Amino acid sequence: MSDEQTLRARRRPLLRILAQCPRRRLGIALAASLLGATGAVGMVAAVNQALQSGQHLQLLALAFTTCAIVAIGARIASGMLFAQLGEGALLDLRRLIARRIAAAEFRSVERLGAAKVQSVMTDDARRVSDFLMAFPNIVMNAAIVVGCLGYLAWFSLQAFLLSIVVTLMGSAIFLLGNARAIGNLKRAGQAQDELFGHFDGLFAGAKELKLNRARAEAFLALSLEQSVSETRVHRLRGLRIYVLSSSSALFLVYALIGVLTFWTGTAAAGSTIIFLYLMMPLEALLNNLPNAQQARLSMGRIDFVLEASTSSEPRASAAPAKGFSELVLKGVRHRYYRDSEEGTFELGPIDLVLRPGEIVMLIGGNGSGKTTLAKIITGLYPPEAGSISIDGREVGDGDRDRQRSLFSAVFSDFYLFPTLAGVAASSEQLDARANALIEKLQLSRKVTVREGVLSTRELSQGQRKRLALVVAYLEDRPFYLFDEWAADQDPAFREIFYNSLLPELRSRGKAVLAISHDDRYFDVADRCVKLENGAVVEVRRQRSLAAIPE
């Protein structure tokens, strides 16, 4: 999206909601709404004419019945069509956000955070969908109001001019309250983002909350309850302002009806009937204004997430890399803000060469930059300075996806997906290979793979890491990264990992980068690269390099 398009979207988000709907279906739905409004105005015209003249009652009764059938039929048709459009918009928005997040730069995903995206995908997307479902009523009621005013102008110019004055006064009252209402609704959205973050904490920190009642009560009272209260208070303030604004506008209409009825006498009876008929669609229209404003704000929040997750990387067109002979980091630097230390941490400059058939262990204290360096090597973070080259070719933004395709990784904060989708193999071959590896890692009593689907993920952290290792093995990529994989394993499996699995990968010509604190196994590595405060302070060669396989 260009800057100009983004600006237009921000200024007219409700029009953009409609513009994203299928045009043909939207056109039919709008036509049905307008037809329903025409039928409704025809009904009031027939009634008013019958009361005023008392003649041609049978013809007017037929006209009234026809208009009623048209109004009801059109209302049903438009309601069904807009319900389909609303649910379709909800699905499309959620699909678009999910795809945009999946394609976004990893750093952008980290900055956005799950809480904001979950809030947008659930609450905000639903508000946009609800607005579309309510749109036929908005269109129909607005058309009835306009049609009745047009009929009023033909019936009584004086009453019409009075109604215009009342409309302008009511609009002024609404606009005065609208700015304050929007401010409160925006603050409610921000508080809701925090609330979704606390919901995550409620599940992720369930063990800690159960073990410490005081912590649980403080979390519920101070964090969760505060966010709930702020969301409620700000939303209620905004909605109350809308209620007061719409009620004030209705009061002006009531006053106009009183003036026409009691001050001008029976001559204005026809105008009074028109205004009385106007009351219901006008009130419905005013009641829908807060929903329309909330949908507008929600679309703005959705736009923000979509823009924040836009990737600057060109879409990959080259095939995934099948191998490499050398990956070189030269003068690589990366800087990021650390919340825990309220300061900026700088990694680098890093000079490092990685080759197939080699085990490199990345060692150093906590916070030394090991995981950040691993993310740069794997292409999750782009270097802010320096360069990365593969087989003599420097990696640019357009090559980042190809760089990532070299790696299978198990990070310390890994996620275990329920299926083995993305692994190139037939279903039978995949199941056989996966179950053989599961047997090797002594998990066959806990989990099996059938048609590429894991039978369970309800395992201990150590067992889940072993299962993640199975997935990495099945991907069979040229470069393996393990971030503190052995940290949750018992001594027996640490032994298997360091003295069996890693040497096996090396013998198959794979490059292995293992982040580790297990100094008793450092001799398994060909090299140990030590980091301190973001800089390489030592490179120890543990053994002579084996010949790189052809």
Protein backbone atom coordinates (compact mmCIF):
# COMPACT_ATOMS: atom_id res chain seq x y z
CA MET A 1 0.00 0.00 0.00
CA SER A 2 1.36 3.41 -0.97
CA ASP A 3 1.55 6.31 1.50
CA GLU A 4 -1.32 8.04 -0.33
CA GLN A 5 -3.48 4.92 -0.22
CA THR A 6 -2.68 4.46 3.47
CA LEU A 7 -3.72 8.05 4.19
CA ARG A 8 -6.98 7.59 2.30
CA ALA A 9 -7.65 4.35 4.18
CA ARG A 10 -7.14 6.08 7.49
CA ARG A 11 -9.45 8.95 6.54
CA ARG A 12 -12.24 6.76 5.14
CA PRO A 13 -11.97 3.37 6.84
CA LEU A 14 -15.71 2.67 6.64
CA LEU A 15 -15.71 3.17 2.87
CA ARG A 16 -12.72 0.84 2.69
CA ILE A 17 -14.67 -1.84 4.57
CA LEU A 18 -17.36 -1.65 1.91
CA ALA A 19 -14.86 -1.45 -0.94
CA GLN A 20 -13.38 -4.80 0.11
CA CYS A 21 -16.73 -6.57 -0.34
CA PRO A 22 -17.61 -8.34 -3.62
CA ARG A 23 -19.00 -5.52 -5.75
CA ARG A 24 -21.87 -7.41 -7.37
CA ARG A 25 -23.20 -8.79 -4.09
CA LEU A 26 -22.72 -5.44 -2.36
CA GLY A 27 -24.58 -3.67 -5.16
CA ILE A 28 -27.53 -6.08 -4.93
CA ALA A 29 -27.63 -5.74 -1.14
CA LEU A 30 -27.58 -1.94 -1.31
CA ALA A 31 -30.27 -1.94 -4.00
CA ALA A 32 -32.43 -4.19 -1.80
CA SER A 33 -31.96 -1.83 1.15
CA LEU A 34 -32.94 1.19 -0.93
CA LEU A 35 -35.94 -0.70 -2.35
CA GLY A 36 -37.04 -1.51 1.19
CA ALA A 37 -36.73 2.15 2.16
CA THR A 38 -38.77 3.16 -0.89
CA GLY A 39 -41.49 0.73 0.16
CA ALA A 40 -41.48 2.15 3.70
CA VAL A 41 -41.79 5.74 2.46
CA GLY A 42 -44.58 4.62 0.12
CA MET A 43 -46.43 3.17 3.12
CA VAL A 44 -46.36 6.44 5.06
CA ALA A 45 -47.37 8.39 1.95
CA ALA A 46 -50.36 6.08 1.41
CA VAL A 47 -51.45 6.36 5.05
CA ASN A 48 -51.04 10.12 5.08
CA GLN A 49 -52.97 10.53 1.83
CA ALA A 50 -55.80 8.34 3.14
CA LEU A 51 -56.06 10.39 6.35
CA GLN A 52 -55.89 13.71 4.54
CA SER A 53 -58.33 13.08 1.68
CA GLY A 54 -60.44 10.10 2.71
CA GLN A 55 -60.85 9.22 -1.00
CA HIS A 56 -59.70 6.28 -3.16
CA LEU A 57 -59.24 4.18 -0.02
CA GLN A 58 -59.22 0.84 -1.86
CA LEU A 59 -56.51 2.01 -4.23
CA LEU A 60 -54.50 3.45 -1.34
CA ALA A 61 -54.96 0.19 0.61
CA LEU A 62 -53.59 -1.76 -2.37
CA ALA A 63 -50.65 0.65 -2.61
CA PHE A 64 -50.00 0.31 1.13
CA THR A 65 -50.08 -3.51 0.94
CA THR A 66 -47.76 -3.57 -2.07
CA CYS A 67 -45.31 -1.22 -0.39
CA ALA A 68 -45.40 -3.30 2.81
CA ILE A 69 -44.62 -6.52 0.90
CA VAL A 70 -41.80 -4.80 -0.98
CA ALA A 71 -40.38 -3.32 2.24
CA ILE A 72 -40.42 -6.63 4.15
CA GLY A 73 -39.10 -8.69 1.23
CA ALA A 74 -36.30 -6.24 0.51
CA ARG A 75 -35.40 -6.09 4.20
CA ILE A 76 -35.08 -9.89 4.37
CA ALA A 77 -33.01 -10.03 1.18
CA SER A 78 -30.66 -7.23 2.19
CA GLY A 79 -30.28 -8.64 5.72
CA MET A 80 -29.27 -12.07 4.39
CA LEU A 81 -26.88 -10.61 1.83
CA PHE A 82 -25.18 -8.34 4.35
CA ALA A 83 -24.93 -11.22 6.85
CA GLN A 84 -22.98 -13.14 4.19
CA LEU A 85 -20.85 -10.07 3.49
CA GLY A 86 -20.18 -9.57 7.21
CA GLU A 87 -19.08 -13.14 7.85
CA GLY A 88 -17.06 -13.09 4.64
CA ALA A 89 -15.35 -9.88 5.72
CA LEU A 90 -14.56 -11.41 9.12
CA LEU A 91 -12.99 -14.47 7.49
CA ASP A 92 -11.08 -12.38 4.93
CA LEU A 93 -9.71 -9.98 7.55
CA ARG A 94 -8.52 -12.79 9.81
CA ARG A 95 -6.99 -14.62 6.85
CA LEU A 96 -5.28 -11.43 5.64
CA ILE A 97 -3.87 -10.62 9.09
CA ALA A 98 -2.64 -14.19 9.58
CA ARG A 99 -0.94 -14.27 6.17
CA ARG A 100 0.59 -10.83 6.69
CA ILE A 101 1.96 -11.84 10.10
CA ALA A 102 3.36 -15.07 8.63
CA ALA A 103 5.12 -13.10 5.87
CA ALA A 104 6.30 -10.23 8.10
CA GLU A 105 9.87 -9.69 9.21
CA PHE A 106 10.55 -11.56 12.43
CA ARG A 107 11.51 -8.40 14.30
CA SER A 108 8.17 -6.80 13.31
CA VAL A 109 6.30 -9.81 14.68
CA GLU A 110 8.22 -9.53 17.96
CA ARG A 111 7.48 -5.81 18.22
CA LEU A 112 3.76 -6.22 17.56
CA GLY A 113 3.32 -8.97 20.13
CA ALA A 114 0.66 -11.65 20.26
CA ALA A 115 -1.71 -9.69 22.53
CA LYS A 116 -2.33 -6.84 20.07
CA VAL A 117 -2.74 -9.18 17.11
CA GLN A 118 -5.15 -11.43 19.04
CA SER A 119 -7.18 -8.39 20.07
CA VAL A 120 -7.37 -7.19 16.47
CA MET A 121 -8.21 -10.62 15.03
CA THR A 122 -10.99 -11.28 17.54
CA ASP A 123 -12.58 -8.08 18.83
CA ASP A 124 -11.78 -5.57 16.09
CA ALA A 125 -12.43 -7.92 13.18
CA ARG A 126 -15.76 -8.89 14.76
CA ARG A 127 -16.77 -5.23 15.12
CA VAL A 128 -16.10 -4.66 11.42
CA SER A 129 -18.18 -7.74 10.61
CA ASP A 130 -21.00 -6.59 12.90
CA PHE A 131 -20.99 -3.19 11.17
CA LEU A 132 -21.48 -4.88 7.80
CA MET A 133 -24.33 -6.97 9.19
CA ALA A 134 -25.99 -3.81 10.54
CA PHE A 135 -25.33 -1.86 7.34
CA PRO A 136 -28.63 -2.75 5.59
CA ASN A 137 -30.54 -1.27 8.52
CA ILE A 138 -28.34 1.83 8.41
CA VAL A 139 -28.89 2.26 4.67
CA MET A 140 -32.60 1.52 4.89
CA ASN A 141 -33.21 3.84 7.84
CA ALA A 142 -31.13 6.61 6.29
CA ALA A 143 -33.03 6.25 3.02
CA ILE A 144 -36.37 6.32 4.88
CA VAL A 145 -35.34 9.51 6.68
CA VAL A 146 -34.22 11.14 3.42
CA GLY A 147 -37.33 9.92 1.58
CA CYS A 148 -39.67 11.16 4.30
CA LEU A 149 -37.94 14.54 4.33
CA GLY A 150 -38.35 14.72 0.56
CA TYR A 151 -42.02 13.85 0.90
CA LEU A 152 -42.29 16.47 3.67
CA ALA A 153 -40.77 19.13 1.39
CA TRP A 154 -43.49 18.37 -1.16
CA PHE A 155 -46.23 18.25 1.49
CA SER A 156 -45.23 21.29 3.63
CA LEU A 157 -42.26 23.52 2.83
CA GLN A 158 -42.51 25.27 6.22
CA ALA A 159 -42.30 21.99 8.14
CA PHE A 160 -39.42 20.88 5.92
CA LEU A 161 -37.40 24.04 6.64
CA LEU A 162 -38.01 23.59 10.38
CA SER A 163 -36.76 19.99 10.09
CA ILE A 164 -33.58 21.21 8.36
CA VAL A 165 -32.91 23.60 11.25
CA VAL A 166 -33.43 20.77 13.74
CA THR A 167 -31.14 18.49 11.71
CA LEU A 168 -28.34 21.06 11.70
CA MET A 169 -28.69 21.60 15.46
CA GLY A 170 -28.68 17.85 16.11
CA SER A 171 -25.60 17.39 13.90
CA ALA A 172 -23.76 20.10 15.82
CA ILE A 173 -24.57 18.38 19.13
CA PHE A 174 -23.35 15.04 17.77
CA LEU A 175 -20.10 16.45 16.40
CA LEU A 176 -19.32 18.15 19.72
CA GLY A 177 -19.58 14.85 21.56
CA ASN A 178 -18.02 12.70 18.84
CA ALA A 179 -14.40 13.79 19.41
CA ARG A 180 -14.57 13.01 23.14
CA ALA A 181 -16.30 9.69 22.48
CA ILE A 182 -13.65 8.61 19.95
CA GLY A 183 -10.86 9.49 22.39
CA ASN A 184 -12.40 7.24 25.03
CA LEU A 185 -12.95 4.39 22.57
CA LYS A 186 -9.30 4.59 21.46
CA ARG A 187 -8.14 4.37 25.08
CA ALA A 188 -10.47 1.40 25.56
CA GLY A 189 -8.76 -0.35 22.62
CA GLN A 190 -5.31 0.25 24.14
CA ALA A 191 -6.47 -1.08 27.51
CA GLN A 192 -7.89 -4.14 25.76
CA ASP A 193 -4.49 -4.89 24.18
CA GLU A 194 -3.03 -4.94 27.70
CA LEU A 195 -5.90 -7.15 28.83
CA PHE A 196 -5.12 -9.76 26.15
CA GLY A 197 -1.50 -9.71 27.31
CA HIS A 198 -2.66 -10.45 30.86
CA PHE A 199 -4.84 -13.28 29.54
CA ASP A 200 -1.68 -14.83 28.07
CA GLY A 201 0.00 -14.44 31.45
CA LEU A 202 -2.94 -16.16 33.13
CA PHE A 203 -2.20 -19.36 31.18
CA ALA A 204 1.57 -19.11 30.68
CA GLY A 205 2.09 -18.32 34.37
CA ALA A 206 -0.50 -20.76 35.73
CA LYS A 207 2.11 -22.77 37.67
CA GLU A 208 3.60 -19.69 39.33
CA LEU A 209 0.16 -18.34 40.21
CA LYS A 210 -0.87 -21.65 41.76
CA LEU A 211 2.30 -21.84 43.85
CA ASN A 212 1.99 -18.31 45.22
CA ARG A 213 -1.50 -17.23 46.26
CA ALA A 214 -0.34 -13.70 47.08
CA ARG A 215 1.10 -13.35 43.57
CA ALA A 216 -2.12 -14.71 42.05
CA GLU A 217 -4.30 -12.30 44.02
CA ALA A 218 -2.03 -9.36 43.18
CA PHE A 219 -2.02 -10.32 39.49
CA LEU A 220 -5.80 -10.58 39.40
CA ALA A 221 -6.40 -7.41 41.42
CA LEU A 222 -3.68 -5.13 40.09
CA SER A 223 -2.98 -6.27 36.55
CA LEU A 224 -5.99 -8.13 35.18
CA GLU A 225 -8.69 -6.22 37.05
CA GLN A 226 -7.11 -2.87 36.24
CA SER A 227 -7.08 -3.63 32.50
CA VAL A 228 -10.66 -4.94 32.66
CA SER A 229 -11.78 -1.82 34.52
CA GLU A 230 -9.95 0.58 32.20
CA THR A 231 -11.44 -1.11 29.14
CA ARG A 232 -14.93 -0.96 30.65
CA VAL A 233 -14.65 2.62 31.95
CA HIS A 234 -13.33 4.12 28.71
CA ARG A 235 -15.79 2.21 26.53
CA LEU A 236 -18.73 3.17 28.73
CA ARG A 237 -17.67 6.82 28.72
CA GLY A 238 -17.57 6.84 24.96
CA LEU A 239 -20.93 5.09 24.61
CA ARG A 240 -22.56 7.36 27.22
CA ILE A 241 -21.50 10.40 25.23
CA TYR A 242 -23.13 8.88 22.14
CA VAL A 243 -26.31 8.15 24.12
CA LEU A 244 -26.47 11.74 25.35
CA SER A 245 -25.79 13.12 21.87
CA SER A 246 -28.42 10.95 20.18
CA SER A 247 -30.96 11.62 22.94
CA SER A 248 -30.42 15.37 22.58
CA ALA A 249 -31.02 15.09 18.84
CA LEU A 250 -34.21 13.08 19.44
CA PHE A 251 -35.38 15.68 21.96
CA LEU A 252 -35.15 18.32 19.25
CA VAL A 253 -37.33 16.16 16.99
CA TYR A 254 -39.85 15.70 19.80
CA ALA A 255 -39.87 19.48 20.28
CA LEU A 256 -40.51 19.97 16.58
CA ILE A 257 -43.45 17.53 16.69
CA GLY A 258 -44.86 19.45 19.65
CA VAL A 259 -44.52 22.76 17.85
CA LEU A 260 -46.22 21.44 14.72
CA THR A 261 -49.05 19.80 16.66
CA PHE A 262 -49.91 22.26 19.42
CA TRP A 263 -48.84 25.62 18.01
CA THR A 264 -49.88 25.36 14.40
CA GLY A 265 -53.06 23.34 14.95
CA THR A 266 -54.69 20.65 12.86
CA ALA A 267 -53.30 21.97 9.60
CA ALA A 268 -49.99 20.39 10.47
CA ALA A 269 -51.48 16.95 11.21
CA GLY A 270 -50.00 15.47 8.05
CA SER A 271 -46.53 16.76 8.89
CA THR A 272 -46.87 15.37 12.42
CA ILE A 273 -47.70 11.91 11.06
CA ILE A 274 -44.63 12.03 8.84
CA PHE A 275 -42.43 12.99 11.79
CA LEU A 276 -43.95 10.30 14.02
CA TYR A 277 -43.16 7.74 11.34
CA LEU A 278 -39.64 9.15 11.12
CA MET A 279 -38.99 8.55 14.82
CA MET A 280 -38.24 4.82 14.63
CA PRO A 281 -35.77 4.88 11.69
CA LEU A 282 -34.17 8.07 13.05
CA GLU A 283 -33.69 6.52 16.48
CA ALA A 284 -32.29 3.32 14.93
CA LEU A 285 -29.93 5.42 12.83
CA LEU A 286 -28.69 7.34 15.87
CA ASN A 287 -28.24 4.10 17.85
CA ASN A 288 -26.06 2.70 15.07
CA LEU A 289 -23.70 5.68 15.04
CA PRO A 290 -21.61 4.37 17.99
CA ASN A 291 -21.27 0.99 16.25
CA ALA A 292 -20.16 2.71 13.06
CA GLN A 293 -17.57 4.76 14.96
CA GLN A 294 -16.27 1.67 16.76
CA ALA A 295 -16.01 -0.14 13.43
CA ARG A 296 -14.08 2.82 12.03
CA LEU A 297 -11.64 2.74 14.96
CA SER A 298 -11.34 -1.04 14.69
CA MET A 299 -10.51 -0.77 10.99
CA GLY A 300 -7.84 1.77 11.89
CA ARG A 301 -6.33 -0.69 14.40
CA ILE A 302 -6.45 -3.45 11.79
CA ASP A 303 -4.71 -1.12 9.31
CA PHE A 304 -2.01 -0.42 11.90
CA VAL A 305 -1.29 -4.13 12.37
CA LEU A 306 -1.29 -4.74 8.61
CA GLU A 307 1.10 -1.84 8.01
CA ALA A 308 3.36 -2.84 10.92
CA SER A 309 3.59 -6.38 9.55
CA THR A 310 4.40 -5.34 5.99
CA SER A 311 7.66 -6.96 4.92
CA SER A 312 10.31 -4.96 3.08
CA GLU A 313 11.74 -8.18 1.69
CA PRO A 314 10.90 -8.96 -1.95
CA ARG A 315 8.86 -12.11 -2.32
CA ALA A 316 11.18 -15.06 -2.84
CA SER A 317 11.16 -16.40 -6.38
CA ALA A 318 14.23 -18.64 -6.26
CA ALA A 319 14.03 -22.28 -5.22
CA PRO A 320 15.08 -23.16 -1.65
CA ALA A 321 18.80 -23.70 -1.23
CA LYS A 322 19.82 -27.38 -1.31
CA GLY A 323 23.31 -26.91 0.07
CA PHE A 324 26.22 -24.56 0.60
CA SER A 325 29.98 -24.73 1.01
CA GLU A 326 30.60 -21.68 3.15
CA LEU A 327 28.59 -19.12 5.14
CA VAL A 328 30.64 -16.05 6.07
CA LEU A 329 29.82 -13.24 8.50
CA LYS A 330 31.99 -10.18 8.04
CA GLY A 331 31.80 -7.21 10.40
CA VAL A 332 28.21 -8.05 11.33
CA ARG A 333 26.57 -5.72 13.85
CA HIS A 334 23.10 -5.62 15.34
CA ARG A 335 21.60 -3.31 17.95
CA TYR A 336 18.41 -3.66 19.94
CA TYR A 337 16.75 -2.26 23.03
CA ARG A 338 16.73 -4.33 26.22
CA ASP A 339 13.71 -3.67 28.43
CA SER A 340 15.33 -5.44 31.38
CA GLU A 341 18.32 -3.10 31.39
CA GLU A 342 16.59 -0.01 29.92
CA GLY A 343 19.40 0.38 27.45
CA THR A 344 20.64 -0.63 24.04
CA PHE A 345 22.63 -3.81 23.49
CA GLU A 346 25.01 -4.01 20.54
CA LEU A 347 26.20 -7.25 19.02
CA GLY A 348 29.40 -7.26 17.01
CA PRO A 349 31.39 -6.73 15.01
CA ILE A 350 31.27 -10.47 14.30
CA ASP A 351 33.57 -12.25 11.85
CA LEU A 352 32.77 -15.92 11.51
CA VAL A 353 32.97 -18.69 8.90
CA LEU A 354 30.67 -21.73 9.05
CA ARG A 355 31.02 -24.82 6.85
CA PRO A 356 29.28 -28.16 6.28
CA GLY A 357 30.66 -31.21 8.09
CA GLU A 358 31.51 -29.10 11.14
CA ILE A 359 30.12 -28.73 14.66
CA VAL A 360 30.45 -25.22 16.10
CA MET A 361 29.42 -24.55 19.67
CA LEU A 362 28.39 -21.03 20.58
CA ILE A 363 29.22 -20.48 24.24
CA GLY A 364 29.15 -17.62 26.73
CA GLY A 365 27.14 -16.26 29.63
CA ASN A 366 23.47 -15.38 29.64
CA GLY A 367 22.80 -12.14 27.80
CA SER A 368 26.03 -12.31 25.82
CA GLY A 369 24.14 -12.26 22.48
CA LYS A 370 24.24 -15.94 21.51
CA THR A 371 20.58 -16.27 20.52
CA THR A 372 20.62 -12.92 18.71
CA LEU A 373 23.64 -14.04 16.69
CA ALA A 374 21.86 -17.31 15.91
CA LYS A 375 18.85 -15.36 14.60
CA ILE A 376 21.14 -13.32 12.35
CA ILE A 377 22.90 -16.43 11.05
CA THR A 378 19.56 -18.10 10.27
CA GLY A 379 18.22 -14.98 8.53
CA LEU A 380 15.53 -14.12 11.09
CA TYR A 381 17.24 -10.79 11.79
CA PRO A 382 19.03 -8.83 9.06
CA PRO A 383 22.42 -7.42 10.09
CA GLU A 384 22.35 -3.66 10.63
CA ALA A 385 25.97 -3.39 9.50
CA GLY A 386 28.46 -5.74 7.89
CA SER A 387 27.54 -8.54 5.53
CA ILE A 388 26.60 -12.20 5.29
CA SER A 389 27.64 -14.14 2.22
CA ILE A 390 26.88 -17.68 1.11
CA ASP A 391 29.37 -19.29 -1.26
CA GLY A 392 30.85 -15.89 -2.04
CA ARG A 393 27.52 -14.21 -2.81
CA GLU A 394 26.39 -11.50 -0.41
CA VAL A 395 22.92 -12.02 1.04
CA GLY A 396 20.59 -9.09 0.32
CA ASP A 397 16.95 -8.57 1.23
CA GLY A 398 15.88 -10.56 -1.79
CA ASP A 399 18.04 -13.52 -0.72
CA ARG A 400 16.95 -13.65 2.92
CA ASP A 401 14.30 -16.30 2.34
CA ARG A 402 16.82 -18.48 0.51
CA GLN A 403 19.22 -18.05 3.44
CA ARG A 404 16.51 -19.20 5.87
CA SER A 405 15.78 -22.24 3.73
CA LEU A 406 19.22 -23.64 4.63
CA PHE A 407 18.27 -24.09 8.28
CA SER A 408 16.42 -26.47 10.53
CA ALA A 409 16.34 -25.04 14.04
CA VAL A 410 15.15 -25.82 17.54
CA PHE A 411 15.21 -22.59 19.55
CA SER A 412 14.86 -22.53 23.32
CA ASP A 413 11.38 -20.98 22.94
CA PHE A 414 10.39 -23.33 20.11
CA TYR A 415 6.80 -24.03 19.09
CA LEU A 416 5.67 -27.56 18.27
CA PHE A 417 3.08 -27.66 15.49
CA PRO A 418 0.45 -30.43 15.49
CA THR A 419 1.33 -31.64 11.98
CA LEU A 420 4.49 -32.30 9.97
CA ALA A 421 3.30 -30.08 7.10
CA GLY A 422 6.16 -28.67 5.06
CA VAL A 423 8.29 -31.82 5.14
CA ALA A 424 8.85 -33.12 1.61
CA ALA A 425 7.79 -36.78 1.62
CA SER A 426 4.78 -38.96 0.89
CA SER A 427 2.44 -39.62 3.79
CA GLU A 428 3.54 -43.25 4.22
CA GLN A 429 7.26 -42.44 4.02
CA LEU A 430 6.88 -39.51 6.38
CA ASP A 431 5.03 -41.58 8.98
CA ALA A 432 7.62 -44.37 8.78
CA ARG A 433 10.60 -42.02 9.11
CA ALA A 434 8.99 -40.01 11.89
CA ASN A 435 8.01 -43.05 13.94
CA ALA A 436 11.48 -44.56 13.53
CA LEU A 437 13.05 -41.37 14.93
CA ILE A 438 10.46 -41.26 17.71
CA GLU A 439 11.43 -44.83 18.61
CA LYS A 440 15.11 -43.86 18.59
CA LEU A 441 14.43 -40.99 20.99
CA GLN A 442 12.34 -43.27 23.25
CA LEU A 443 9.06 -41.46 22.71
CA SER A 444 7.07 -44.26 21.03
CA ARG A 445 5.05 -44.95 24.18
CA LYS A 446 4.00 -41.31 24.33
CA VAL A 447 3.40 -40.21 20.76
CA THR A 448 3.03 -41.56 17.23
CA VAL A 449 2.64 -39.99 13.80
CA ARG A 450 -0.22 -40.96 11.54
CA GLU A 451 -0.82 -39.28 8.18
CA GLY A 452 1.61 -36.57 9.21
CA VAL A 453 -0.28 -35.67 12.41
CA LEU A 454 1.16 -35.98 15.92
CA SER A 455 -1.07 -38.04 18.19
CA THR A 456 -0.41 -35.66 21.10
CA ARG A 457 1.65 -32.69 22.21
CA GLU A 458 0.78 -33.10 25.88
CA LEU A 459 4.35 -33.98 26.87
CA SER A 460 6.99 -32.75 29.26
CA GLN A 461 9.26 -29.94 28.06
CA GLY A 462 12.15 -32.35 27.55
CA GLN A 463 9.96 -34.75 25.56
CA ARG A 464 8.57 -31.90 23.47
CA LYS A 465 12.14 -30.84 22.66
CA ARG A 466 12.93 -34.37 21.53
CA LEU A 467 9.85 -34.27 19.32
CA ALA A 468 10.99 -30.90 17.91
CA LEU A 469 14.33 -32.55 17.14
CA VAL A 470 12.46 -35.26 15.22
CA VAL A 471 10.78 -32.57 13.10
CA ALA A 472 14.14 -30.87 12.46
CA TYR A 473 15.66 -34.21 11.37
CA LEU A 474 12.77 -34.84 8.99
CA GLU A 475 13.30 -31.46 7.30
CA ASP A 476 16.79 -32.69 6.37
CA ARG A 477 18.28 -29.27 5.64
CA PRO A 478 21.99 -28.46 5.21
CA PHE A 479 22.39 -26.50 8.47
CA TYR A 480 21.14 -27.39 11.96
CA LEU A 481 20.81 -24.93 14.84
CA PHE A 482 20.16 -26.04 18.42
CA ASP A 483 19.59 -23.38 21.08
CA GLU A 484 20.20 -24.94 24.51
CA TRP A 485 18.53 -28.15 23.32
CA ALA A 486 20.01 -30.29 26.08
CA ALA A 487 18.99 -27.93 28.89
CA ASP A 488 15.75 -29.85 29.60
CA GLN A 489 17.14 -33.35 29.04
CA ASP A 490 18.24 -35.90 31.59
CA PRO A 491 21.93 -36.97 31.62
CA ALA A 492 21.27 -40.01 29.43
CA PHE A 493 19.74 -37.95 26.63
CA ARG A 494 22.40 -35.28 26.92
CA GLU A 495 24.91 -38.04 26.28
CA ILE A 496 22.94 -39.24 23.24
CA PHE A 497 22.57 -35.69 21.89
CA TYR A 498 26.22 -34.68 22.15
CA ASN A 499 27.99 -37.97 21.51
CA SER A 500 25.62 -39.58 19.02
CA LEU A 501 23.20 -37.20 17.30
CA LEU A 502 25.54 -34.26 16.65
CA PRO A 503 28.42 -36.43 15.31
CA GLU A 504 25.90 -38.26 13.13
CA LEU A 505 24.78 -34.96 11.58
CA ARG A 506 28.42 -34.00 11.00
CA SER A 507 29.14 -37.33 9.32
CA ARG A 508 26.22 -36.67 6.96
CA GLY A 509 27.88 -33.42 5.88
CA LYS A 510 25.55 -31.15 7.84
CA ALA A 511 26.69 -27.91 9.42
CA VAL A 512 25.78 -27.76 13.12
CA LEU A 513 25.64 -24.69 15.36
CA ALA A 514 24.81 -25.55 18.96
CA ILE A 515 24.33 -22.96 21.70
CA SER A 516 25.44 -24.66 24.89
CA HIS A 517 26.55 -24.27 28.50
CA ASP A 518 27.55 -27.95 28.83
CA ASP A 519 31.32 -27.52 29.11
CA ARG A 520 31.88 -31.25 29.63
CA TYR A 521 30.81 -31.80 26.00
CA PHE A 522 32.74 -28.94 24.40
CA ASP A 523 35.29 -31.43 23.05
CA VAL A 524 32.59 -32.80 20.71
CA ALA A 525 32.78 -29.54 18.73
CA ASP A 526 35.25 -28.74 16.01
CA ARG A 527 35.28 -25.14 17.27
CA CYS A 528 33.93 -23.27 20.28
CA VAL A 529 33.08 -19.60 19.70
CA LYS A 530 32.79 -17.63 22.93
CA LEU A 531 30.74 -14.44 23.20
CA GLU A 532 30.94 -11.78 25.90
CA ASN A 533 28.85 -8.59 25.81
CA GLY A 534 28.04 -9.13 22.15
CA ALA A 535 31.63 -9.65 20.97
CA VAL A 536 33.61 -12.76 20.03
CA VAL A 537 36.37 -12.98 22.64
CA GLU A 538 37.70 -16.45 21.86
CA VAL A 539 37.60 -19.10 19.15
CA ARG A 540 38.87 -22.46 20.38
CA ARG A 541 39.61 -25.26 17.97
CA GLN A 542 38.67 -28.43 19.81
CA ARG A 543 39.72 -30.97 17.17
CA SER A 544 41.10 -31.07 13.66
CA LEU A 545 38.44 -30.45 11.06
CA ALA A 546 37.16 -33.50 9.28
CA ALA A 547 37.22 -33.47 5.52
CA ILE A 548 34.17 -31.79 4.12
CA PRO A 549 32.07 -34.40 2.33
CA GLU A 550 31.53 -34.02 -1.36
